[in-house]
Protein backbone atom coordinates (compact mmCIF):
# COMPACT_ATOMS: atom_id res chain seq x y z
CA MET A 1 12.16 35.29 122.66
CA GLU A 2 14.76 35.75 125.37
CA LEU A 3 16.12 32.80 127.34
CA GLY A 4 18.35 32.52 130.43
CA PRO A 5 22.15 32.45 130.36
CA PRO A 6 23.41 29.86 127.87
CA ASP A 7 25.40 26.74 128.68
CA THR A 8 27.75 26.78 125.71
CA THR A 9 29.65 23.76 127.03
CA GLU A 10 26.97 21.50 125.51
CA GLN A 11 27.88 19.85 122.22
CA GLY A 12 26.20 21.01 119.04
CA TRP A 13 26.58 24.75 119.47
CA HIS A 14 26.97 26.61 116.20
CA ALA A 15 29.34 29.32 117.20
CA TRP A 16 30.83 32.55 116.01
CA LYS A 17 33.32 34.96 117.51
CA MET A 18 32.90 38.71 117.54
CA ARG A 19 35.26 41.48 118.43
CA TYR A 20 33.67 44.30 120.42
CA ASN A 21 35.50 47.57 119.82
CA PRO A 22 35.88 50.41 122.34
CA ASP A 23 33.85 52.71 120.05
CA GLY A 24 30.78 50.45 120.48
CA THR A 25 31.02 48.74 117.10
CA SER A 26 31.54 45.03 116.64
CA GLU A 27 32.79 42.76 113.92
CA LEU A 28 32.43 39.07 113.22
CA ILE A 29 35.83 37.35 113.12
CA HIS A 30 35.00 33.60 112.98
CA VAL A 31 32.03 31.35 112.11
CA SER A 32 31.93 27.62 112.94
CA GLU A 33 31.53 24.92 110.33
CA GLY A 34 28.16 24.03 111.87
CA MET A 35 26.82 27.53 111.22
CA GLN A 36 28.20 27.48 107.71
CA GLU A 37 26.41 24.20 107.03
CA LEU A 38 23.13 25.26 108.65
CA TYR A 39 22.96 28.65 106.92
CA GLY A 40 24.42 27.55 103.58
CA TYR A 41 27.16 30.18 103.41
CA SER A 42 30.94 29.86 103.61
CA GLU A 43 32.83 31.48 106.47
CA LYS A 44 34.11 34.13 104.06
CA GLU A 45 30.52 34.96 103.06
CA LEU A 46 29.28 35.00 106.67
CA LEU A 47 32.00 37.44 107.69
CA THR A 48 30.34 40.06 105.48
CA ALA A 49 27.46 42.30 106.52
CA GLU A 50 25.74 41.51 103.21
CA ALA A 51 25.19 37.84 104.14
CA TRP A 52 23.67 38.82 107.49
CA ARG A 53 21.32 41.31 105.79
CA ARG A 54 20.02 38.36 103.76
CA LEU A 55 19.95 35.96 106.73
CA ILE A 56 18.05 38.11 109.22
CA PRO A 57 14.48 39.02 108.26
CA GLU A 58 13.82 42.75 108.70
CA GLU A 59 11.31 42.18 111.50
CA GLU A 60 14.08 40.46 113.56
CA LEU A 61 16.46 43.44 113.43
CA PRO A 62 15.18 45.18 116.60
CA GLN A 63 15.76 41.97 118.59
CA ILE A 64 19.28 41.59 117.16
CA GLU A 65 20.10 45.23 117.97
CA GLU A 66 18.81 44.78 121.53
CA ALA A 67 20.82 41.57 121.88
CA SER A 68 23.99 43.41 120.84
CA ARG A 69 23.36 46.15 123.40
CA ARG A 70 22.75 43.54 126.09
CA VAL A 71 25.95 41.64 125.31
CA ILE A 72 27.94 44.84 125.67
CA ALA A 73 26.14 45.91 128.87
CA GLU A 74 25.70 42.55 130.64
CA GLY A 75 28.16 40.20 128.98
CA TRP A 76 25.62 37.76 127.50
CA TRP A 77 22.40 37.28 125.55
CA HIS A 78 20.45 34.09 124.76
CA GLY A 79 17.28 33.81 122.70
CA ARG A 80 15.55 32.49 119.60
CA VAL A 81 15.77 34.24 116.24
CA ARG A 82 14.23 33.60 112.84
CA ILE A 83 16.89 33.10 110.14
CA ARG A 84 16.57 32.83 106.36
CA PRO A 85 19.21 30.31 105.16
CA LYS A 86 20.69 30.59 101.68
CA VAL A 87 18.42 27.74 100.54
CA GLY A 88 15.06 26.83 102.02
CA ASP A 89 12.47 28.32 104.33
CA ILE A 90 12.95 30.53 107.37
CA ILE A 91 14.06 28.56 110.43
CA VAL A 92 14.08 29.40 114.13
CA VAL A 93 17.49 29.06 115.78
CA GLU A 94 18.59 29.37 119.36
CA MET A 95 21.36 31.94 119.59
CA ALA A 96 23.64 32.94 122.40
CA SER A 97 26.33 35.53 122.71
CA VAL A 98 28.73 35.51 125.63
CA VAL A 99 31.65 37.81 126.24
CA GLU A 100 34.71 35.80 127.19
CA SER A 101 37.71 37.22 128.95
CA ALA A 102 41.03 37.43 127.16
CA ASN A 103 42.18 34.49 129.33
CA ASP A 104 39.45 32.10 128.05
């Protein structure tokens, strides 16, 4: 489910930082403590593709791929995604991705 532009100034955001490369690929470079706690993985684990393959149910992959394309094209994406934490049942989380300038 897509939402409007996020207000990431609100407290409580579980954040990550990605690097978008000129060749169209991206890589995760930081994961907040809040995300680590919510998902049950360490930052080191979450920086691997393997953890994300376990976290994101297969039926969510098209939405994640579309979100990545939108971030690159429009500079932001905001929506809800089903996530499978390390322990427990699938949860629905609100996610946002915003491209920040190098000056931010």
